[in-house]
Amino acid sequence: MTHVTSETRLVWRHRSRTSEGTAMESQDIARIDLTLVEEGGRRMESTPNGIGIGALRLRKWQIDHIESPEDVFDGYDTYLIRINYDLELEVDSPRVTWFELAVDFRSENGAGEATVIDALPRFGTFSETPKSYVLNRYLNFVPFEDGVSAHALLPASSERVDTFGIGGQRLRWRHVSLDGTGVREGSYSAWVVLHVPTGQVDQRVMFSARYDLIVDPEVEYRPTQVPAEFTLKLIASSDRPETATHLSSAAFELQDDEYHPSVFICYAHDTPLHKTRARQFGNLLVKNGIDTHMDQWDEIHRKPWDFWAYEHINKVDFIIVLASPICRKAFNGELKGTDNRGIRSEARLILDQLHTERDKWTPKVLPVVLPHEFVENVSEMLQPWTTDHYKINQLTREGIAQLLRAMTGVPRYSRPPLGKLPPIARKTSTDDGS
């Protein structure tokens, strides 16, 4: 069996940015053509009989800025990156027994080094069933039973994936066929938790690939490779959402500017990503005229958090409950022990008010589902299906329009004035028998 590598061709496209800080490439980031190279070093011309083996493509990446634990990763910004890639093989090409994708996050001009804190798949990953993972406090992937809100999902696989380079700059995933039929072609995904120096928005990436295949033993080939290099645009913290288009309702735009509904955000600290998204959502509410209160803005001195929550819950106009697995369990009374005491206390206070004065409190308690979450993580105690819930598809003014209307009482469409019945529909004395 002879090792054959690749010739690389860069296909770089501009990136688009969404308002909540998620960046996506519009087309392929890069492509590596898998071609056979003869021993003399001259690349053989592609012919109809299939000297070209296929291609390894980097597809759209998803990049999320996430919050790092305080005093753990000072001086660094952290990103959760989903790397999408495709292995494409020509029809009737030799079987690929393994292939390897490598991404090298390089430092530039003596700047601090980027570091891969954790990655998925990990070394020796092999699973007959899908597995879900979330990030813990130290930004490591840990298995998670409830896959609804998982940060990463590894599908069932018939291949082994070996991982190299966690803790450094250069990361490699090697897919190995276990049954001798060759690796599967199609789409793959990998996840990286990446640290870069604070404020850095340009990250150089070197993309390379290797592979091995079964060929005629009389044919000799020499490995060759020209890696693809590109610059990844990292978006700093998305606490400043993009300016969105105005709401279509003129009635909403003309409302009294002096009226600012007050809101308390009730949520669980499921993961660093969820905590970051909750703060970004709170920032967006404030920028759109909502007097918002949440714990992350009040961590300035020692305080009794139970009294703090009680005071806000009872004085604000509305309570927003953010859907998440832990929040759902807290409201359903499924949490035990000493963990998650804050959300458990807040849930009991809110449920007690709902039980005591349901007609008053049902319009005040607003279940909200952020873009990364699911309606299934709204507690049944809040009746997400028989009463309203508010799904936020994007963190923009337009994205929260329905929620804003619920708090201001301004409908999207106004009922027109009552008109007169046309003559054909009016009752006359003859019609009523008189």
Protein backbone atom coordinates (compact mmCIF):
# COMPACT_ATOMS: atom_id res chain seq x y z
CA MET A 1 0.00 0.00 0.00
CA THR A 2 1.42 3.35 -1.04
CA HIS A 3 0.80 6.74 0.62
CA VAL A 4 -0.50 9.42 -1.69
CA THR A 5 -1.14 13.01 -0.65
CA SER A 6 -2.52 15.98 -2.51
CA GLU A 7 -2.20 19.09 -4.54
CA THR A 8 -4.00 22.04 -2.97
CA ARG A 9 -5.99 24.81 -4.61
CA LEU A 10 -7.35 27.71 -2.56
CA VAL A 11 -10.93 28.81 -3.13
CA TRP A 12 -11.55 31.68 -0.69
CA ARG A 13 -14.77 33.66 -0.43
CA HIS A 14 -15.82 36.64 1.68
CA ARG A 15 -17.60 35.88 4.91
CA SER A 16 -20.98 37.16 6.05
CA ARG A 17 -21.83 38.04 9.61
CA THR A 18 -25.06 37.50 11.47
CA SER A 19 -26.26 39.89 14.11
CA GLU A 20 -25.67 37.59 17.07
CA GLY A 21 -22.00 37.16 16.33
CA THR A 22 -22.15 33.99 14.29
CA ALA A 23 -19.99 34.18 11.20
CA MET A 24 -20.48 31.97 8.17
CA GLU A 25 -18.66 31.71 4.87
CA SER A 26 -20.86 32.15 1.83
CA GLN A 27 -19.16 29.36 -0.15
CA ASP A 28 -16.27 26.93 0.18
CA ILE A 29 -13.40 28.21 2.30
CA ALA A 30 -10.89 25.96 0.60
CA ARG A 31 -10.61 22.86 -1.56
CA ILE A 32 -7.92 20.24 -1.85
CA ASP A 33 -7.88 18.22 -5.05
CA LEU A 34 -6.94 14.59 -4.42
CA THR A 35 -4.71 13.66 -7.37
CA LEU A 36 -2.17 10.96 -8.10
CA VAL A 37 1.45 12.02 -8.66
CA GLU A 38 3.95 9.80 -10.44
CA GLU A 39 7.31 8.97 -8.88
CA GLY A 40 9.19 11.39 -11.13
CA GLY A 41 7.41 14.29 -9.49
CA ARG A 42 5.35 15.49 -12.46
CA ARG A 43 1.64 15.66 -11.71
CA MET A 44 -0.22 13.41 -14.09
CA GLU A 45 -2.89 15.06 -16.23
CA SER A 46 -6.46 14.19 -15.37
CA THR A 47 -8.04 11.89 -17.93
CA PRO A 48 -11.49 10.32 -18.34
CA ASN A 49 -10.22 7.06 -16.82
CA GLY A 50 -9.92 8.77 -13.46
CA ILE A 51 -6.42 9.92 -12.38
CA GLY A 52 -8.22 12.49 -10.22
CA ILE A 53 -9.38 10.73 -7.05
CA GLY A 54 -11.70 13.43 -5.74
CA ALA A 55 -11.53 16.41 -3.41
CA LEU A 56 -11.56 17.41 0.25
CA ARG A 57 -13.54 20.62 0.75
CA LEU A 58 -13.88 22.95 3.68
CA ARG A 59 -17.51 24.02 3.71
CA LYS A 60 -19.16 26.77 5.76
CA TRP A 61 -17.81 27.24 9.28
CA GLN A 62 -19.87 28.47 12.21
CA ILE A 63 -18.00 30.70 14.67
CA ASP A 64 -19.45 31.67 18.06
CA HIS A 65 -17.74 33.94 20.56
CA ILE A 66 -18.27 32.39 23.99
CA GLU A 67 -17.60 33.57 27.51
CA SER A 68 -14.47 32.30 29.28
CA PRO A 69 -14.57 31.63 33.02
CA GLU A 70 -13.16 34.52 35.00
CA ASP A 71 -9.54 34.17 36.19
CA VAL A 72 -9.07 30.99 34.15
CA PHE A 73 -8.23 32.22 30.65
CA ASP A 74 -7.30 35.86 31.20
CA GLY A 75 -5.93 37.62 28.14
CA TYR A 76 -7.72 35.40 25.62
CA ASP A 77 -10.94 35.42 23.64
CA THR A 78 -12.65 32.10 23.19
CA TYR A 79 -14.52 30.77 20.16
CA LEU A 80 -16.55 27.66 19.54
CA ILE A 81 -15.97 26.74 15.90
CA ARG A 82 -17.81 24.11 13.92
CA ILE A 83 -15.72 22.95 10.97
CA ASN A 84 -17.69 21.40 8.13
CA TYR A 85 -15.90 19.39 5.46
CA ASP A 86 -16.77 17.07 2.60
CA LEU A 87 -14.89 14.12 1.19
CA GLU A 88 -15.79 13.69 -2.48
CA LEU A 89 -14.54 10.66 -4.41
CA GLU A 90 -14.76 9.97 -8.13
CA VAL A 91 -16.80 7.02 -9.31
CA ASP A 92 -14.69 3.83 -9.60
CA SER A 93 -11.69 5.49 -7.90
CA PRO A 94 -9.48 3.32 -5.64
CA ARG A 95 -10.75 2.80 -2.10
CA VAL A 96 -9.44 5.33 0.44
CA THR A 97 -8.43 3.39 3.53
CA TRP A 98 -7.90 6.54 5.58
CA PHE A 99 -7.80 10.28 5.11
CA GLU A 100 -6.54 13.05 7.34
CA LEU A 101 -7.58 16.69 7.58
CA ALA A 102 -5.30 19.19 9.38
CA VAL A 103 -5.92 22.80 10.40
CA ASP A 104 -3.03 24.87 11.73
CA PHE A 105 -4.02 28.04 13.61
CA ARG A 106 -0.83 30.05 13.11
CA SER A 107 0.41 33.06 15.02
CA GLU A 108 1.41 36.13 13.03
CA ASN A 109 4.11 38.78 13.53
CA GLY A 110 5.15 37.46 16.90
CA ALA A 111 1.64 37.71 18.32
CA GLY A 112 0.47 35.40 21.07
CA GLU A 113 -0.32 31.89 19.98
CA ALA A 114 -3.76 30.52 19.31
CA THR A 115 -4.49 27.38 21.30
CA VAL A 116 -6.94 24.54 20.76
CA ILE A 117 -8.42 23.92 24.22
CA ASP A 118 -10.55 20.97 23.18
CA ALA A 119 -11.95 19.37 20.06
CA LEU A 120 -14.40 16.79 18.79
CA PRO A 121 -14.15 14.10 17.56
CA ARG A 122 -11.45 13.01 20.01
CA PHE A 123 -8.80 10.31 19.79
CA GLY A 124 -10.24 6.92 18.92
CA THR A 125 -13.81 8.19 18.59
CA PHE A 126 -16.09 5.38 17.51
CA SER A 127 -19.76 5.06 18.34
CA GLU A 128 -22.63 2.89 17.19
CA THR A 129 -25.09 5.54 18.43
CA PRO A 130 -25.10 9.36 18.23
CA LYS A 131 -23.55 11.18 21.20
CA SER A 132 -24.18 14.70 22.48
CA TYR A 133 -21.71 17.03 24.21
CA VAL A 134 -21.77 20.40 25.98
CA LEU A 135 -18.99 22.65 27.24
CA ASN A 136 -18.26 22.67 30.95
CA ARG A 137 -16.86 25.56 32.99
CA TYR A 138 -13.33 24.90 31.77
CA LEU A 139 -14.47 24.79 28.14
CA ASN A 140 -13.99 21.05 27.72
CA PHE A 141 -16.53 18.91 25.92
CA VAL A 142 -18.40 16.57 28.26
CA PRO A 143 -21.11 14.02 27.38
CA PHE A 144 -24.65 15.28 27.78
CA GLU A 145 -27.70 13.05 28.06
CA ASP A 146 -30.24 15.58 26.80
CA GLY A 147 -29.27 16.11 23.16
CA VAL A 148 -31.87 18.81 22.54
CA SER A 149 -29.52 21.62 23.62
CA ALA A 150 -26.17 20.00 23.02
CA HIS A 151 -23.36 22.14 21.63
CA ALA A 152 -21.99 19.27 19.54
CA LEU A 153 -23.49 16.07 18.20
CA LEU A 154 -21.40 13.18 16.93
CA PRO A 155 -23.43 10.88 14.69
CA ALA A 156 -23.13 7.12 14.69
CA SER A 157 -20.10 6.02 12.70
CA SER A 158 -18.56 2.91 11.23
CA GLU A 159 -15.13 4.58 11.16
CA ARG A 160 -12.55 5.38 13.80
CA VAL A 161 -11.45 8.99 14.12
CA ASP A 162 -8.03 9.63 15.68
CA THR A 163 -7.33 13.16 16.88
CA PHE A 164 -3.92 14.79 17.30
CA GLY A 165 -2.89 18.23 18.56
CA ILE A 166 -5.33 19.22 21.34
CA GLY A 167 -3.55 21.79 23.49
CA GLY A 168 -1.51 23.16 20.59
CA GLN A 169 -1.99 25.10 17.37
CA ARG A 170 -2.17 22.31 14.79
CA LEU A 171 -5.08 19.90 14.93
CA ARG A 172 -5.52 16.75 12.84
CA TRP A 173 -8.42 14.35 12.40
CA ARG A 174 -7.65 10.99 10.81
CA HIS A 175 -10.62 8.93 9.58
CA VAL A 176 -9.80 5.21 9.36
CA SER A 177 -11.96 2.56 7.74
CA LEU A 178 -12.54 -0.36 10.11
CA ASP A 179 -14.27 -2.80 7.79
CA GLY A 180 -11.91 -2.68 4.81
CA THR A 181 -14.46 -1.13 2.45
CA GLY A 182 -12.90 2.34 2.58
CA VAL A 183 -13.89 5.52 4.38
CA ARG A 184 -17.29 7.01 3.78
CA GLU A 185 -17.56 9.90 1.35
CA GLY A 186 -19.89 12.76 2.18
CA SER A 187 -20.19 15.46 4.83
CA TYR A 188 -18.40 15.53 8.19
CA SER A 189 -18.30 17.99 11.09
CA ALA A 190 -15.76 18.72 13.79
CA TRP A 191 -15.78 21.15 16.71
CA VAL A 192 -12.94 23.24 18.14
CA VAL A 193 -12.71 25.42 21.25
CA LEU A 194 -10.10 27.99 20.22
CA HIS A 195 -8.30 30.60 22.35
CA VAL A 196 -6.76 33.63 20.65
CA PRO A 197 -5.18 36.75 22.20
CA THR A 198 -7.81 39.23 23.37
CA GLY A 199 -8.99 41.52 20.59
CA GLN A 200 -7.55 39.47 17.74
CA VAL A 201 -9.95 39.30 14.80
CA ASP A 202 -7.71 37.86 12.04
CA GLN A 203 -6.52 34.29 12.44
CA ARG A 204 -4.29 32.63 9.85
CA VAL A 205 -5.22 29.03 9.07
CA MET A 206 -3.22 26.47 7.12
CA PHE A 207 -5.37 23.67 5.69
CA SER A 208 -3.77 20.43 4.53
CA ALA A 209 -4.72 16.83 3.88
CA ARG A 210 -3.28 13.34 3.49
CA TYR A 211 -4.77 10.04 2.48
CA ASP A 212 -3.97 6.44 1.69
CA LEU A 213 -5.52 4.12 -0.89
CA ILE A 214 -5.14 0.74 -2.50
CA VAL A 215 -3.44 0.81 -5.91
CA ASP A 216 -1.67 -1.64 -8.16
CA PRO A 217 1.62 -2.59 -6.39
CA GLU A 218 3.51 -2.11 -9.65
CA VAL A 219 2.55 1.56 -9.83
CA GLU A 220 4.71 3.91 -7.76
CA TYR A 221 3.68 7.36 -6.58
CA ARG A 222 5.43 10.08 -4.62
CA PRO A 223 3.53 12.04 -1.93
CA THR A 224 3.25 15.76 -2.64
CA GLN A 225 1.29 18.60 -1.08
CA VAL A 226 0.74 22.32 -1.42
CA PRO A 227 -1.32 23.44 1.63
CA ALA A 228 -4.05 26.07 1.40
CA GLU A 229 -3.70 29.14 3.60
CA PHE A 230 -6.40 31.69 4.38
CA THR A 231 -7.38 34.24 7.01
CA LEU A 232 -10.30 33.45 9.27
CA LYS A 233 -12.25 36.50 10.45
CA LEU A 234 -13.07 36.14 14.13
CA ILE A 235 -15.84 38.39 15.35
CA ALA A 236 -15.24 39.81 18.81
CA SER A 237 -17.95 39.64 21.46
CA SER A 238 -21.35 40.21 19.90
CA ASP A 239 -22.59 42.37 22.74
CA ARG A 240 -23.22 45.03 20.08
CA PRO A 241 -25.88 43.53 17.79
CA GLU A 242 -26.13 44.76 14.25
CA THR A 243 -28.63 47.47 13.44
CA ALA A 244 -31.64 45.71 11.94
CA THR A 245 -34.44 46.92 9.73
CA HIS A 246 -37.27 48.75 11.45
CA LEU A 247 -40.40 46.92 12.49
CA SER A 248 -43.13 46.91 9.91
CA SER A 249 -45.74 48.12 12.39
CA ALA A 250 -46.04 51.89 12.24
CA ALA A 251 -48.12 51.80 15.42
CA PHE A 252 -45.17 50.36 17.34
CA GLU A 253 -42.76 52.98 16.04
CA LEU A 254 -45.10 55.76 17.14
CA GLN A 255 -45.62 54.56 20.70
CA ASP A 256 -44.84 56.78 23.68
CA ASP A 257 -41.05 56.96 24.02
CA GLU A 258 -41.37 57.55 27.77
CA TYR A 259 -42.87 54.12 28.41
CA HIS A 260 -40.17 51.50 29.15
CA PRO A 261 -41.50 48.12 30.29
CA SER A 262 -39.38 46.56 33.04
CA VAL A 263 -38.19 42.95 32.73
CA PHE A 264 -36.40 40.39 34.86
CA ILE A 265 -34.53 37.64 32.96
CA CYS A 266 -34.78 34.27 34.71
CA TYR A 267 -32.38 31.70 33.29
CA ALA A 268 -30.06 28.85 34.25
CA HIS A 269 -26.28 28.85 33.84
CA ASP A 270 -26.34 25.65 31.77
CA THR A 271 -23.15 26.39 29.82
CA PRO A 272 -20.81 29.32 29.10
CA LEU A 273 -22.41 29.67 25.65
CA HIS A 274 -25.94 29.87 27.07
CA LYS A 275 -24.81 32.42 29.66
CA THR A 276 -23.23 34.55 26.92
CA ARG A 277 -26.34 34.36 24.75
CA ALA A 278 -28.52 35.38 27.71
CA ARG A 279 -26.42 38.51 28.24
CA GLN A 280 -26.48 39.37 24.54
CA PHE A 281 -30.25 39.01 24.57
CA GLY A 282 -30.46 41.31 27.63
CA ASN A 283 -28.26 43.89 25.91
CA LEU A 284 -30.57 43.81 22.89
CA LEU A 285 -33.65 44.41 25.05
CA VAL A 286 -32.02 47.41 26.73
CA LYS A 287 -31.05 48.92 23.38
CA ASN A 288 -34.67 48.61 22.29
CA GLY A 289 -36.14 50.46 25.24
CA ILE A 290 -36.78 47.64 27.74
CA ASP A 291 -35.66 48.28 31.34
CA THR A 292 -33.97 44.91 31.80
CA HIS A 293 -32.50 43.30 34.93
CA MET A 294 -30.29 40.21 35.11
CA ASP A 295 -27.62 38.80 37.41
CA GLN A 296 -24.61 39.33 35.14
CA TRP A 297 -24.92 43.11 35.45
CA ASP A 298 -25.20 43.03 39.26
CA GLU A 299 -22.09 41.01 40.13
CA ILE A 300 -20.40 44.02 41.73
CA HIS A 301 -20.53 43.26 45.46
CA ARG A 302 -21.58 40.54 47.86
CA LYS A 303 -25.35 40.26 48.15
CA PRO A 304 -28.09 37.82 49.19
CA TRP A 305 -29.14 36.61 45.75
CA ASP A 306 -32.41 35.11 46.99
CA PHE A 307 -33.64 38.52 48.21
CA TRP A 308 -32.27 40.13 45.04
CA ALA A 309 -34.34 37.79 42.86
CA TYR A 310 -37.45 38.15 45.06
CA GLU A 311 -37.30 41.94 44.82
CA HIS A 312 -36.98 41.99 41.02
CA ILE A 313 -39.60 39.31 40.37
CA ASN A 314 -42.17 41.20 42.38
CA LYS A 315 -41.54 44.70 41.07
CA VAL A 316 -41.01 44.31 37.30
CA ASP A 317 -43.71 44.36 34.65
CA PHE A 318 -42.62 41.08 33.05
CA ILE A 319 -40.50 38.01 33.83
CA ILE A 320 -38.76 36.38 30.87
CA VAL A 321 -37.89 32.72 31.39
CA LEU A 322 -35.19 31.51 28.96
CA ALA A 323 -35.62 27.93 27.78
CA SER A 324 -32.80 25.49 28.56
CA PRO A 325 -32.53 21.92 29.86
CA ILE A 326 -31.65 22.92 33.44
CA CYS A 327 -34.29 25.67 33.52
CA ARG A 328 -36.93 23.22 32.33
CA LYS A 329 -35.98 20.74 35.04
CA ALA A 330 -36.00 23.47 37.70
CA PHE A 331 -39.56 24.52 36.83
CA ASN A 332 -40.64 20.88 36.59
CA GLY A 333 -39.23 20.16 40.07
CA GLU A 334 -36.80 17.56 38.74
CA LEU A 335 -33.57 18.97 40.24
CA LYS A 336 -32.27 17.52 43.48
CA GLY A 337 -29.31 18.07 45.78
CA THR A 338 -27.41 21.33 46.18
CA ASP A 339 -26.74 22.26 42.54
CA ASN A 340 -28.54 24.99 40.58
CA ARG A 341 -29.92 26.61 43.72
CA GLY A 342 -30.44 30.02 42.09
CA ILE A 343 -32.71 28.88 39.26
CA ARG A 344 -34.57 26.52 41.60
CA SER A 345 -35.38 29.40 43.98
CA GLU A 346 -36.48 31.70 41.16
CA ALA A 347 -38.64 28.96 39.62
CA ARG A 348 -40.45 28.37 42.93
CA LEU A 349 -41.11 32.10 43.40
CA ILE A 350 -42.55 32.45 39.89
CA LEU A 351 -44.63 29.27 40.07
CA ASP A 352 -46.05 30.31 43.44
CA GLN A 353 -47.25 33.61 41.95
CA LEU A 354 -48.75 31.78 38.95
CA HIS A 355 -50.59 29.42 41.28
CA THR A 356 -51.88 32.25 43.51
CA GLU A 357 -52.92 34.78 40.85
CA ARG A 358 -52.91 32.96 37.52
CA ASP A 359 -54.99 35.50 35.58
CA LYS A 360 -52.63 38.30 36.62
CA TRP A 361 -49.34 36.45 36.24
CA THR A 362 -49.91 34.45 33.03
CA PRO A 363 -49.46 37.59 30.84
CA LYS A 364 -46.43 38.62 32.96
CA VAL A 365 -44.40 35.41 32.59
CA LEU A 366 -43.01 35.13 29.05
CA PRO A 367 -41.23 31.90 27.97
CA VAL A 368 -38.50 32.82 25.46
CA VAL A 369 -36.50 30.46 23.23
CA LEU A 370 -33.17 31.90 22.08
CA PRO A 371 -31.71 31.00 18.64
CA HIS A 372 -29.55 28.17 19.99
CA GLU A 373 -32.36 26.62 22.05
CA PHE A 374 -35.54 24.60 21.49
CA VAL A 375 -39.19 24.96 22.48
CA GLU A 376 -39.00 21.50 24.07
CA ASN A 377 -36.89 23.07 26.82
CA VAL A 378 -39.74 25.30 27.98
CA SER A 379 -41.19 23.78 31.16
CA GLU A 380 -44.63 22.22 30.92
CA MET A 381 -45.49 24.26 34.03
CA LEU A 382 -45.36 27.35 31.80
CA GLN A 383 -47.75 25.78 29.27
CA PRO A 384 -45.72 26.49 26.11
CA TRP A 385 -48.29 24.89 23.80
CA THR A 386 -51.62 26.13 25.18
CA THR A 387 -50.32 29.65 25.87
CA ASP A 388 -47.85 31.74 23.91
CA HIS A 389 -44.10 31.26 23.84
CA TYR A 390 -41.64 33.49 21.97
CA LYS A 391 -39.15 31.91 19.61
CA ILE A 392 -36.24 34.27 18.81
CA ASN A 393 -34.72 33.25 15.48
CA GLN A 394 -32.06 35.96 15.50
CA LEU A 395 -30.85 38.53 18.02
CA THR A 396 -32.00 41.61 16.13
CA ARG A 397 -34.80 44.12 16.59
CA GLU A 398 -36.82 42.30 13.97
CA GLY A 399 -36.10 39.02 15.71
CA ILE A 400 -37.61 40.18 19.02
CA ALA A 401 -40.52 42.09 17.46
CA GLN A 402 -43.22 39.69 18.65
CA LEU A 403 -41.81 39.75 22.18
CA LEU A 404 -41.67 43.56 22.21
CA ARG A 405 -45.32 43.73 21.15
CA ALA A 406 -46.30 41.34 23.93
CA MET A 407 -44.73 43.71 26.47
CA THR A 408 -46.12 46.93 24.98
CA GLY A 409 -49.58 45.69 24.07
CA VAL A 410 -49.26 46.98 20.52
CA PRO A 411 -50.51 44.42 17.97
CA ARG A 412 -48.77 43.84 14.68
CA TYR A 413 -51.97 44.68 12.81
CA SER A 414 -54.64 47.09 14.03
CA ARG A 415 -58.28 46.28 13.67
CA PRO A 416 -59.98 48.77 11.32
CA PRO A 417 -62.95 50.90 12.49
CA LEU A 418 -66.32 49.19 12.47
CA GLY A 419 -68.12 49.98 9.22
CA LYS A 420 -71.74 49.85 8.12
CA LEU A 421 -73.46 46.76 6.80
CA PRO A 422 -74.08 46.91 3.06
CA PRO A 423 -77.74 47.11 1.97
CA ILE A 424 -77.84 43.45 0.95
CA ALA A 425 -77.03 42.39 4.52
CA ARG A 426 -79.28 44.78 6.45
CA LYS A 427 -82.39 43.55 8.18
CA THR A 428 -85.66 45.23 7.22
CA SER A 429 -89.12 45.14 8.71
CA THR A 430 -90.09 42.50 6.16
CA ASP A 431 -87.14 40.33 7.12
CA ASP A 432 -88.19 40.10 10.80
CA GLY A 433 -91.85 39.43 9.97
CA SER A 434 -93.31 42.73 11.17
